[in-house]
Amino acid sequence: MMYFWHRFIESVIMKHRSWLLALAIAFCTSVFAQPKYEFRGVWIATVNNIDWPTHGNWNTEKQKEDFKKILDMHQRNGMNAVVVQIRPSGDAFYPSEYEPWSEWLTGTQGKAPSPYYDPVKFMIEEAHKRGMEFHAWLNPYRAVFNTKTSSIASNHITRKHPEWFLTYGDKRYFDPGNKEAQAFVVSVVRDIVKRYDVDAIHMDDYFYPYRIPGKEFPDEATYQRSGSKLKKDDWRRSNTDSIIRALSIAIKQEDKLCRFGISPFGVWRNRDQDPDGSDSKAGQTNYDDLYADILLWLKKGWIDYVTPQLYREIGDDKMAYEKLLDWWSRHSYGRHVYIGHGIYRGVTKETKGWANPKQIPDQIKYIRRNPNIQGSLYFSSNSFARNPQGWNDSLQNNYYKYPALLPPMRWIDNEKPWPPIVDRKIVNDSIIQLTVRPDPRNNVPIKYYVVYQYAMESHSETFGNVPKYISRMVTIPEGFEIKETLSSKHFSYRYVITAVGKNNNESDLSEIAILVQPDGKWSFYNP
């Protein structure tokens, strides 16, 4: 009987092998094809001049030139967002009434750039010109990067309110249990959202600091003064919860479309600590050591996205990339998840896995298999300048070959813009001229326009979901003009233009079809 079934199945496969092969190809294409919506971001770290500006480069024009080159590199690689550290350590890369100018901008904390400019305003404008979101990255609690070597201005908050701070190792931190310190940090964030067109506020994994072996974080006096009946670990978590909730409220009060994202360490809890934890063996975790209950913040809707730092390789024996990715995808609670990739490890090739050119491509494939993961964020910018393992080439020529729209967050706002109005004409029988402007009925701020172009013979009902048909993305909200010479290679072309709002909701289609006539002249036709 087994032999019979074996022969029967074999005959079916042989008879339909072409169809099965086509099905397999279609499956692989659907799994690994570039999605239309995908977050593709890069961290640009300023602390200690890791990525920008270069240490010792305190010249305003050179800083601007270098930053534009960084954005151009990431644009070539297909990125659509940058996460830039604008408050690395109780200081600022922008004029602030709360905190002094950063030492990593001018060499001396409190010293303004000369010639004067506002780096955050400049960086936002340059990012938006390129169709990239700008996420303002702040460290919540770090106040002094190094107590022995850091430049500390006379008006730094540690000098004004020394009672708000605790020293741990060689750093000083805002005391997370101090309510006045919490309120100060919330005021700093509120000020940024109020004054700047940031797309998101982004905070990293340094809440309570990573443990120093043999040293306890010195907040016992604060705990005793609080009079809390909670156990100390629960009290610490409640402190972090309270500032996240307060930040969430402040951000949305200033701009309901501004997102709030957290980039935590990759492990919430290990499974041996909690049955709901991940299959991992992390020495420290968010919940137990950094006192950051990320899952609570997702459940409560206090944050809009999470970017777990999954900096280990596929198959790692302690914190395997693919296992943690799957765990976070199952614990997103309807919020966005962008995976943090440790591309910097590919520069040093510290393990065999990171010397493998397939490591980052395979990590991207895992993401695209999982519908609960919306994209990637890479640490950090300077690593790309070295093109480790040829990953820039892999992104440009394959995985990020076509542009991707940023995924909308429907729980924030679901209103899409009206389709743009398009005026059109043919010039000299061979040049199409399209004048695009926003519909006056719009109540939604326009972020950019998407121009789709394709030959009519390649048309399908789903063309609008195929990134390869995106001809360009134009970041001129007030409108623009296209002039393009038409080729006789194809019988006809079709252009479709959409508008994308600030929350990344895309409008309905504005369709223009162009057909060639028997006499060889171009004309418009509305199907």
Protein backbone atom coordinates (compact mmCIF):
# COMPACT_ATOMS: atom_id res chain seq x y z
CA MET A 1 0.00 0.00 0.00
CA MET A 2 2.82 2.45 0.86
CA TYR A 3 4.44 1.73 -2.51
CA PHE A 4 1.16 2.50 -4.28
CA TRP A 5 0.79 5.88 -2.60
CA HIS A 6 4.43 6.70 -3.26
CA ARG A 7 3.97 6.02 -7.00
CA PHE A 8 0.68 7.95 -7.06
CA ILE A 9 2.21 11.05 -5.47
CA GLU A 10 5.19 10.82 -7.78
CA SER A 11 2.92 10.70 -10.84
CA VAL A 12 0.97 13.75 -9.62
CA ILE A 13 4.19 15.69 -9.11
CA MET A 14 5.52 14.75 -12.55
CA LYS A 15 2.25 15.63 -14.23
CA HIS A 16 1.93 19.02 -12.55
CA ARG A 17 5.55 19.90 -11.93
CA SER A 18 5.41 23.09 -14.03
CA TRP A 19 2.41 24.31 -12.06
CA LEU A 20 4.01 23.37 -8.73
CA LEU A 21 7.24 25.11 -9.71
CA ALA A 22 5.31 28.25 -10.59
CA LEU A 23 3.48 28.05 -7.26
CA ALA A 24 6.78 27.67 -5.40
CA ILE A 25 8.27 30.65 -7.21
CA ALA A 26 5.17 32.72 -6.46
CA PHE A 27 5.38 31.73 -2.80
CA CYS A 28 9.03 32.68 -2.54
CA THR A 29 8.37 35.94 -4.34
CA SER A 30 5.52 36.83 -1.98
CA VAL A 31 7.66 36.01 1.06
CA PHE A 32 10.82 37.81 0.04
CA ALA A 33 9.48 40.52 -2.30
CA GLN A 34 9.97 44.08 -1.19
CA PRO A 35 6.83 45.27 0.59
CA LYS A 36 5.22 48.56 -0.30
CA TYR A 37 5.19 49.65 3.35
CA GLU A 38 8.37 49.21 5.36
CA PHE A 39 10.23 51.26 7.95
CA ARG A 40 13.92 51.49 7.03
CA GLY A 41 15.87 53.57 9.50
CA VAL A 42 19.38 54.29 10.75
CA TRP A 43 20.55 55.50 14.15
CA ILE A 44 22.87 58.51 13.95
CA ALA A 45 24.66 58.71 17.31
CA THR A 46 26.19 61.99 18.47
CA VAL A 47 27.37 60.94 21.94
CA ASN A 48 31.16 60.82 21.96
CA ASN A 49 30.95 61.81 18.26
CA ILE A 50 30.23 58.20 17.25
CA ASP A 51 28.57 59.07 13.92
CA TRP A 52 28.29 62.84 13.63
CA PRO A 53 29.86 65.34 13.85
CA THR A 54 33.42 64.06 13.58
CA HIS A 55 35.37 64.81 16.77
CA GLY A 56 37.21 68.08 16.38
CA ASN A 57 35.03 69.20 13.48
CA TRP A 58 33.42 72.23 15.08
CA ASN A 59 33.05 74.13 11.82
CA THR A 60 29.41 74.88 11.04
CA GLU A 61 29.60 74.55 7.25
CA LYS A 62 31.66 71.37 7.44
CA GLN A 63 29.16 69.85 9.88
CA LYS A 64 26.31 70.65 7.50
CA GLU A 65 28.19 69.25 4.52
CA ASP A 66 29.03 66.03 6.37
CA PHE A 67 25.45 65.52 7.55
CA LYS A 68 24.08 65.94 4.03
CA LYS A 69 26.59 63.36 2.79
CA ILE A 70 25.40 60.95 5.50
CA LEU A 71 21.77 61.40 4.41
CA ASP A 72 22.71 60.96 0.75
CA MET A 73 24.45 57.67 1.55
CA HIS A 74 21.41 56.36 3.42
CA GLN A 75 19.07 57.56 0.69
CA ARG A 76 21.10 55.57 -1.86
CA ASN A 77 20.76 52.55 0.42
CA GLY A 78 16.96 52.89 0.39
CA MET A 79 16.42 54.24 3.90
CA ASN A 80 13.33 56.32 4.68
CA ALA A 81 14.02 57.40 8.27
CA VAL A 82 16.85 58.63 10.47
CA VAL A 83 16.90 58.48 14.25
CA VAL A 84 19.24 61.25 15.36
CA GLN A 85 20.54 61.71 18.90
CA ILE A 86 19.77 65.33 19.79
CA ARG A 87 20.03 65.08 23.60
CA PRO A 88 22.78 62.59 24.45
CA SER A 89 23.54 63.56 28.05
CA GLY A 90 21.52 66.35 29.65
CA ASP A 91 22.63 68.62 26.81
CA ALA A 92 21.24 69.75 23.47
CA PHE A 93 21.98 69.91 19.75
CA TYR A 94 19.56 72.83 19.53
CA PRO A 95 19.01 76.12 21.39
CA SER A 96 17.29 75.24 24.66
CA GLU A 97 16.19 77.17 27.72
CA TYR A 98 16.52 73.94 29.71
CA GLU A 99 19.90 72.50 28.77
CA PRO A 100 23.27 73.77 27.43
CA TRP A 101 24.72 73.20 23.99
CA SER A 102 26.35 69.78 23.70
CA GLU A 103 30.11 69.39 24.01
CA TRP A 104 29.92 66.97 21.07
CA LEU A 105 28.72 69.79 18.83
CA THR A 106 31.26 72.50 19.65
CA GLY A 107 33.91 70.84 21.83
CA THR A 108 32.81 72.64 24.99
CA GLN A 109 29.48 72.21 26.70
CA GLY A 110 27.48 75.44 26.71
CA LYS A 111 29.30 76.91 23.72
CA ALA A 112 27.03 77.80 20.79
CA PRO A 113 28.01 76.87 17.23
CA SER A 114 29.84 79.57 15.27
CA PRO A 115 28.74 80.70 12.78
CA TYR A 116 25.46 80.16 14.59
CA TYR A 117 22.90 77.64 13.35
CA ASP A 118 20.21 75.38 14.77
CA PRO A 119 21.38 71.81 13.99
CA VAL A 120 18.01 70.17 14.71
CA LYS A 121 16.11 72.56 12.45
CA PHE A 122 18.74 72.03 9.74
CA MET A 123 18.72 68.22 10.10
CA ILE A 124 14.93 67.97 10.00
CA GLU A 125 14.76 70.07 6.83
CA GLU A 126 17.45 68.02 5.11
CA ALA A 127 15.86 64.70 6.11
CA HIS A 128 12.40 65.79 4.97
CA LYS A 129 13.79 67.02 1.63
CA ARG A 130 14.87 63.45 0.98
CA GLY A 131 11.55 61.94 2.02
CA MET A 132 12.99 60.65 5.30
CA GLU A 133 11.31 60.83 8.67
CA PHE A 134 13.26 62.48 11.48
CA HIS A 135 12.98 60.77 14.85
CA ALA A 136 14.48 62.83 17.69
CA TRP A 137 16.51 60.47 19.88
CA LEU A 138 16.91 61.39 23.54
CA ASN A 139 18.58 59.62 26.41
CA PRO A 140 16.06 59.89 29.27
CA TYR A 141 18.22 59.67 32.40
CA ARG A 142 21.92 60.11 31.58
CA ALA A 143 23.12 63.54 32.75
CA VAL A 144 26.93 63.35 32.74
CA PHE A 145 28.64 60.95 30.35
CA ASN A 146 31.90 60.76 32.29
CA THR A 147 32.37 62.41 35.68
CA LYS A 148 36.14 62.63 35.15
CA THR A 149 36.40 63.93 31.60
CA SER A 150 33.08 65.47 30.51
CA SER A 151 32.76 69.20 29.93
CA ILE A 152 30.08 70.53 32.31
CA ALA A 153 28.66 74.01 31.71
CA SER A 154 27.89 76.38 34.57
CA ASN A 155 24.18 76.28 33.67
CA HIS A 156 23.97 72.47 33.41
CA ILE A 157 21.07 71.04 35.38
CA THR A 158 23.43 68.99 37.61
CA ARG A 159 24.85 72.29 38.89
CA LYS A 160 21.43 73.89 39.37
CA HIS A 161 19.81 70.91 41.10
CA PRO A 162 22.50 68.50 42.33
CA GLU A 163 19.87 66.87 44.59
CA TRP A 164 18.15 65.42 41.51
CA PHE A 165 21.11 63.25 40.52
CA LEU A 166 22.89 60.05 41.48
CA THR A 167 26.41 58.94 40.59
CA TYR A 168 26.86 55.34 39.48
CA GLY A 169 30.22 54.23 38.13
CA ASP A 170 31.72 57.10 36.13
CA LYS A 171 28.34 58.60 35.14
CA ARG A 172 25.66 60.78 36.70
CA TYR A 173 21.99 60.02 36.22
CA PHE A 174 18.71 61.77 36.86
CA ASP A 175 17.27 60.02 39.91
CA PRO A 176 14.32 58.06 38.39
CA GLY A 177 12.48 58.23 41.71
CA ASN A 178 12.67 62.01 41.94
CA LYS A 179 9.39 63.52 40.75
CA GLU A 180 10.92 66.95 40.06
CA ALA A 181 13.58 65.34 37.87
CA GLN A 182 10.87 63.44 36.01
CA ALA A 183 8.91 66.65 35.41
CA PHE A 184 12.06 68.35 34.08
CA VAL A 185 12.65 65.62 31.49
CA VAL A 186 8.99 65.81 30.42
CA SER A 187 9.37 69.59 29.98
CA VAL A 188 12.43 69.07 27.77
CA VAL A 189 10.53 66.67 25.52
CA ARG A 190 7.41 68.85 25.40
CA ASP A 191 9.58 71.78 24.31
CA ILE A 192 11.10 69.78 21.43
CA VAL A 193 7.72 68.60 20.10
CA LYS A 194 6.26 72.09 20.40
CA ARG A 195 9.10 73.81 18.55
CA TYR A 196 10.23 71.30 15.94
CA ASP A 197 8.56 69.29 13.18
CA VAL A 198 9.85 65.97 14.50
CA ASP A 199 8.10 62.84 13.29
CA ALA A 200 8.76 60.98 16.54
CA ILE A 201 10.40 61.10 19.94
CA HIS A 202 12.69 58.11 20.38
CA MET A 203 14.27 56.84 23.59
CA ASP A 204 16.92 54.16 23.91
CA ASP A 205 17.49 51.36 26.42
CA TYR A 206 19.22 53.31 29.20
CA PHE A 207 16.49 53.66 31.80
CA TYR A 208 17.87 52.49 35.12
CA PRO A 209 21.50 51.85 34.13
CA TYR A 210 22.93 48.44 33.34
CA ARG A 211 24.21 46.86 36.53
CA ILE A 212 27.85 47.26 37.50
CA PRO A 213 28.99 43.99 39.16
CA GLY A 214 29.25 44.41 42.90
CA LYS A 215 27.65 47.87 42.94
CA GLU A 216 24.05 48.68 43.78
CA PHE A 217 22.38 51.70 42.19
CA PRO A 218 22.42 54.31 45.02
CA ASP A 219 18.71 55.15 45.30
CA GLU A 220 18.00 53.68 48.74
CA ALA A 221 17.50 57.12 50.31
CA THR A 222 15.01 58.09 47.60
CA TYR A 223 13.15 54.83 48.15
CA GLN A 224 12.91 55.43 51.89
CA ARG A 225 11.74 59.03 51.42
CA SER A 226 9.04 57.88 48.99
CA GLY A 227 7.23 55.96 51.72
CA SER A 228 6.17 53.45 49.07
CA LYS A 229 4.74 50.13 50.21
CA LEU A 230 5.95 48.49 46.99
CA LYS A 231 8.98 46.25 46.99
CA LYS A 232 12.01 48.15 45.79
CA ASP A 233 12.14 46.48 42.35
CA ASP A 234 8.43 47.17 41.79
CA TRP A 235 8.91 50.75 42.99
CA ARG A 236 11.71 51.23 40.46
CA ARG A 237 9.52 49.89 37.66
CA SER A 238 6.68 52.18 38.75
CA ASN A 239 9.05 55.16 38.48
CA THR A 240 9.91 54.26 34.90
CA ASP A 241 6.25 53.59 34.09
CA SER A 242 5.25 57.01 35.40
CA ILE A 243 7.72 58.96 33.25
CA ILE A 244 6.80 56.99 30.09
CA ARG A 245 3.12 57.70 30.68
CA ALA A 246 3.80 61.39 31.36
CA LEU A 247 5.95 61.66 28.22
CA SER A 248 3.26 59.98 26.13
CA ILE A 249 0.63 62.46 27.34
CA ALA A 250 2.89 65.48 26.77
CA ILE A 251 3.87 64.42 23.24
CA LYS A 252 0.28 63.89 22.12
CA GLN A 253 -0.89 67.13 23.74
CA GLU A 254 1.61 69.06 21.63
CA ASP A 255 1.18 67.07 18.41
CA LYS A 256 -1.19 64.11 18.15
CA LEU A 257 0.61 62.91 15.00
CA CYS A 258 4.04 62.79 16.64
CA ARG A 259 4.96 59.20 17.43
CA PHE A 260 6.63 57.91 20.60
CA GLY A 261 9.04 55.01 20.26
CA ILE A 262 11.30 53.04 22.59
CA SER A 263 14.40 51.07 21.63
CA PRO A 264 14.83 48.53 24.43
CA PHE A 265 17.47 45.90 25.03
CA GLY A 266 16.47 42.80 23.07
CA VAL A 267 15.22 40.69 26.00
CA TRP A 268 12.20 41.64 28.11
CA ARG A 269 12.63 38.61 30.42
CA ASN A 270 14.14 35.18 30.00
CA ARG A 271 11.78 32.22 30.01
CA ASP A 272 13.40 30.83 33.17
CA GLN A 273 12.33 34.07 34.93
CA ASP A 274 8.81 34.22 33.49
CA PRO A 275 6.78 31.69 31.44
CA ASP A 276 5.91 34.55 29.09
CA GLY A 277 9.57 35.41 28.59
CA SER A 278 11.68 34.62 25.55
CA ASP A 279 13.81 31.56 24.82
CA SER A 280 17.00 33.40 25.74
CA LYS A 281 19.82 33.48 28.28
CA ALA A 282 20.45 37.19 28.73
CA GLY A 283 22.60 38.18 31.71
CA GLN A 284 20.48 41.31 32.26
CA THR A 285 16.95 42.05 31.11
CA ASN A 286 14.68 45.06 30.65
CA TYR A 287 12.23 44.05 33.35
CA ASP A 288 14.58 42.76 36.06
CA ASP A 289 17.63 44.98 35.67
CA LEU A 290 16.70 48.13 33.74
CA TYR A 291 13.27 48.27 35.40
CA ALA A 292 11.61 48.92 32.05
CA ASP A 293 8.35 46.99 31.61
CA ILE A 294 8.10 47.48 27.84
CA LEU A 295 5.13 45.13 27.51
CA LEU A 296 3.06 47.20 29.92
CA TRP A 297 3.74 50.34 27.86
CA LEU A 298 2.63 48.53 24.70
CA LYS A 299 -0.49 47.13 26.35
CA LYS A 300 -1.47 50.54 27.73
CA GLY A 301 -0.85 52.24 24.37
CA TRP A 302 1.65 54.68 25.88
CA ILE A 303 4.11 54.08 23.05
CA ASP A 304 3.54 53.76 19.31
CA TYR A 305 6.45 51.58 18.34
CA VAL A 306 9.16 49.44 19.83
CA THR A 307 12.60 48.77 18.33
CA PRO A 308 14.18 45.86 20.22
CA GLN A 309 17.94 45.81 19.81
CA LEU A 310 18.45 42.33 18.36
CA TYR A 311 22.18 42.71 17.84
CA ARG A 312 22.98 39.01 17.95
CA GLU A 313 23.29 36.77 14.94
CA ILE A 314 20.90 34.14 13.61
CA GLY A 315 21.40 30.97 15.64
CA ASP A 316 23.20 32.67 18.54
CA ASP A 317 23.38 30.28 21.49
CA LYS A 318 22.19 32.81 24.09
CA MET A 319 20.00 35.33 22.27
CA ALA A 320 19.20 34.01 18.81
CA TYR A 321 18.02 36.73 16.45
CA GLU A 322 15.21 34.66 14.93
CA LYS A 323 13.82 33.53 18.30
CA LEU A 324 13.70 37.04 19.72
CA LEU A 325 12.17 38.44 16.52
CA ASP A 326 9.38 35.89 16.76
CA TRP A 327 8.87 36.67 20.46
CA TRP A 328 8.55 40.42 19.90
CA SER A 329 6.19 39.87 16.98
CA ARG A 330 3.88 37.94 19.32
CA HIS A 331 4.04 40.68 21.98
CA SER A 332 3.43 43.83 19.94
CA TYR A 333 -0.15 44.40 21.20
CA GLY A 334 -1.09 46.05 17.92
CA ARG A 335 1.79 48.55 17.91
CA HIS A 336 4.58 48.68 15.35
CA VAL A 337 7.77 46.67 15.77
CA TYR A 338 10.94 47.73 13.97
CA ILE A 339 13.85 45.38 14.52
CA GLY A 340 17.20 46.83 15.57
CA HIS A 341 20.09 45.30 13.60
CA GLY A 342 23.66 45.37 14.95
CA ILE A 343 25.31 46.11 11.62
CA TYR A 344 28.32 47.48 13.53
CA ARG A 345 29.22 43.89 14.41
CA GLY A 346 29.85 43.27 10.74
CA VAL A 347 32.64 45.85 10.77
CA THR A 348 34.67 44.00 13.39
CA LYS A 349 33.51 40.53 12.21
CA GLU A 350 33.59 39.55 15.86
CA THR A 351 31.98 36.17 15.20
CA LYS A 352 31.76 33.86 12.22
CA GLY A 353 28.10 34.81 11.74
CA TRP A 354 28.93 38.49 11.32
CA ALA A 355 31.63 37.69 8.78
CA ASN A 356 28.94 36.04 6.66
CA PRO A 357 27.66 38.32 3.84
CA LYS A 358 24.24 36.64 4.18
CA GLN A 359 23.74 37.67 7.82
CA ILE A 360 21.89 40.97 7.24
CA PRO A 361 20.03 39.77 4.10
CA ASP A 362 18.83 36.72 6.02
CA GLN A 363 17.72 38.89 8.93
CA ILE A 364 15.67 41.02 6.52
CA LYS A 365 14.09 37.85 5.11
CA TYR A 366 12.99 36.81 8.60
CA ILE A 367 11.33 40.21 9.04
CA ARG A 368 9.47 39.99 5.74
CA ARG A 369 8.13 36.56 6.62
CA ASN A 370 6.46 38.02 9.70
CA PRO A 371 3.44 40.31 9.15
CA ASN A 372 3.68 41.67 12.71
CA ILE A 373 7.08 43.25 12.02
CA GLN A 374 7.02 46.53 10.09
CA GLY A 375 10.68 47.17 9.36
CA SER A 376 14.27 47.68 10.44
CA LEU A 377 16.56 50.12 12.22
CA TYR A 378 20.36 49.85 11.94
CA PHE A 379 23.03 50.71 14.49
CA SER A 380 24.77 52.73 13.49
CA SER A 381 25.33 55.18 10.65
CA ASN A 382 29.11 55.16 10.49
CA SER A 383 29.17 51.40 9.93
CA PHE A 384 27.59 51.88 6.52
CA ALA A 385 30.46 54.14 5.43
CA ARG A 386 32.64 50.99 5.43
CA ASN A 387 30.16 48.87 3.44
CA PRO A 388 30.70 45.82 5.66
CA GLN A 389 30.32 42.50 3.81
CA GLY A 390 29.01 44.50 0.85
CA TRP A 391 25.71 45.15 2.66
CA ASN A 392 25.29 48.59 1.09
CA ASP A 393 25.35 46.86 -2.28
CA SER A 394 22.89 44.21 -1.11
CA LEU A 395 20.44 46.87 0.00
CA GLN A 396 20.80 49.06 -3.09
CA ASN A 397 20.65 46.27 -5.66
CA ASN A 398 18.25 43.87 -4.02
CA TYR A 399 16.52 44.23 -0.66
CA TYR A 400 15.93 48.00 -0.78
CA LYS A 401 16.13 48.39 -4.55
CA TYR A 402 12.71 50.02 -4.73
CA PRO A 403 11.42 52.76 -2.42
CA ALA A 404 9.08 51.88 0.42
CA LEU A 405 6.34 53.99 1.95
CA LEU A 406 6.45 54.38 5.71
CA PRO A 407 3.74 52.30 7.43
CA PRO A 408 0.82 54.36 8.80
CA MET A 409 -0.23 54.06 12.43
CA ARG A 410 -4.00 53.75 12.15
CA TRP A 411 -4.64 54.07 15.90
CA ILE A 412 -3.23 57.62 15.80
CA ASP A 413 -5.15 58.83 12.78
CA ASN A 414 -6.87 57.04 9.91
CA GLU A 415 -7.78 60.03 7.75
CA LYS A 416 -6.17 60.04 4.33
CA PRO A 417 -5.66 63.08 2.10
CA TRP A 418 -7.76 63.79 -0.96
CA PRO A 419 -6.14 62.63 -4.20
CA PRO A 420 -4.03 65.40 -5.75
CA ILE A 421 -5.37 67.46 -8.62
CA VAL A 422 -3.36 66.89 -11.80
CA ASP A 423 -3.39 69.26 -14.78
CA ARG A 424 -1.86 67.73 -17.90
CA LYS A 425 -0.80 68.50 -21.42
CA ILE A 426 1.39 67.19 -24.25
CA VAL A 427 4.16 69.53 -25.43
CA ASN A 428 5.69 69.20 -28.92
CA ASP A 429 3.92 65.87 -29.41
CA SER A 430 6.43 64.00 -27.22
CA ILE A 431 6.73 65.67 -23.81
CA ILE A 432 4.21 65.04 -21.05
CA GLN A 433 3.73 67.89 -18.60
CA LEU A 434 1.89 67.15 -15.35
CA THR A 435 1.18 69.90 -12.84
CA VAL A 436 0.30 68.45 -9.44
CA ARG A 437 -1.35 70.39 -6.62
CA PRO A 438 -3.17 69.48 -3.41
CA ASP A 439 -6.92 69.30 -3.35
CA PRO A 440 -8.21 72.44 -1.53
CA ARG A 441 -10.59 70.25 0.50
CA ASN A 442 -7.64 68.68 2.32
CA ASN A 443 -7.59 68.74 6.10
CA VAL A 444 -4.54 66.48 6.25
CA PRO A 445 -0.99 67.93 6.07
CA ILE A 446 0.77 66.49 2.99
CA LYS A 447 4.13 64.86 3.62
CA TYR A 448 4.93 63.83 0.03
CA TYR A 449 3.47 62.66 -3.27
CA VAL A 450 4.02 59.26 -4.87
CA VAL A 451 4.29 59.05 -8.65
CA TYR A 452 3.62 55.61 -10.13
CA GLN A 453 4.56 54.97 -13.75
CA TYR A 454 4.26 51.81 -15.81
CA ALA A 455 3.56 50.54 -19.29
CA MET A 456 -0.10 49.72 -19.88
CA GLU A 457 0.71 46.18 -20.95
CA SER A 458 2.14 45.46 -17.48
CA HIS A 459 -1.00 46.73 -15.78
CA SER A 460 -2.64 44.67 -13.11
CA GLU A 461 -5.30 45.52 -10.57
CA THR A 462 -2.70 45.40 -7.80
CA PHE A 463 -0.05 47.60 -9.44
CA GLY A 464 -0.41 50.20 -6.69
CA ASN A 465 1.03 47.70 -4.20
CA VAL A 466 4.10 46.96 -6.29
CA PRO A 467 7.07 49.16 -5.30
CA LYS A 468 8.86 48.77 -8.64
CA TYR A 469 6.19 50.98 -10.26
CA ILE A 470 7.08 53.92 -7.99
CA SER A 471 8.79 56.38 -10.31
CA ARG A 472 9.54 59.00 -7.67
CA MET A 473 8.47 60.44 -4.35
CA VAL A 474 8.19 64.23 -4.29
CA THR A 475 8.49 66.09 -0.99
CA ILE A 476 6.95 69.42 -2.06
CA PRO A 477 3.59 69.66 -0.24
CA GLU A 478 2.44 72.73 -2.15
CA GLY A 479 2.72 70.87 -5.47
CA PHE A 480 5.18 70.29 -8.31
CA GLU A 481 5.54 69.79 -12.04
CA ILE A 482 6.74 66.81 -14.10
CA LYS A 483 8.11 67.12 -17.62
CA GLU A 484 9.10 63.89 -19.27
CA THR A 485 9.93 62.86 -22.81
CA LEU A 486 7.79 59.92 -23.90
CA SER A 487 9.34 56.94 -25.62
CA SER A 488 7.87 55.01 -28.51
CA LYS A 489 9.07 51.72 -27.02
CA HIS A 490 5.70 51.07 -25.43
CA PHE A 491 2.27 51.44 -26.92
CA SER A 492 1.10 53.31 -23.86
CA TYR A 493 2.02 54.58 -20.41
CA ARG A 494 -0.01 55.09 -17.29
CA TYR A 495 0.78 57.57 -14.53
CA VAL A 496 -0.89 57.48 -11.13
CA ILE A 497 -0.19 60.05 -8.42
CA THR A 498 -1.17 59.88 -4.76
CA ALA A 499 -0.73 62.15 -1.75
CA VAL A 500 0.61 60.87 1.57
CA GLY A 501 -0.36 62.58 4.83
CA LYS A 502 1.77 63.21 7.90
CA ASN A 503 0.66 59.93 9.48
CA ASN A 504 1.64 58.12 6.25
CA ASN A 505 -1.94 57.40 5.13
CA GLU A 506 -2.02 57.36 1.32
CA SER A 507 -4.80 58.97 -0.71
CA ASP A 508 -6.88 57.29 -3.36
CA LEU A 509 -5.47 57.24 -6.88
CA SER A 510 -5.35 60.13 -9.29
CA GLU A 511 -5.10 58.36 -12.64
CA ILE A 512 -3.83 59.63 -15.97
CA ALA A 513 -3.49 57.28 -18.93
CA ILE A 514 -1.50 58.24 -22.03
CA LEU A 515 -2.02 56.40 -25.31
CA VAL A 516 -0.15 56.67 -28.60
CA GLN A 517 -2.38 57.23 -31.62
CA PRO A 518 -2.01 55.58 -35.05
CA ASP A 519 -0.48 58.78 -36.46
CA GLY A 520 2.32 58.52 -33.89
CA LYS A 521 1.22 61.46 -31.76
CA TRP A 522 0.60 61.15 -28.04
CA SER A 523 -2.72 62.01 -26.50
CA PHE A 524 -4.55 61.49 -23.21
CA TYR A 525 -7.20 58.92 -22.68
CA ASN A 526 -9.30 58.35 -19.58
CA PRO A 527 -10.29 54.70 -19.18
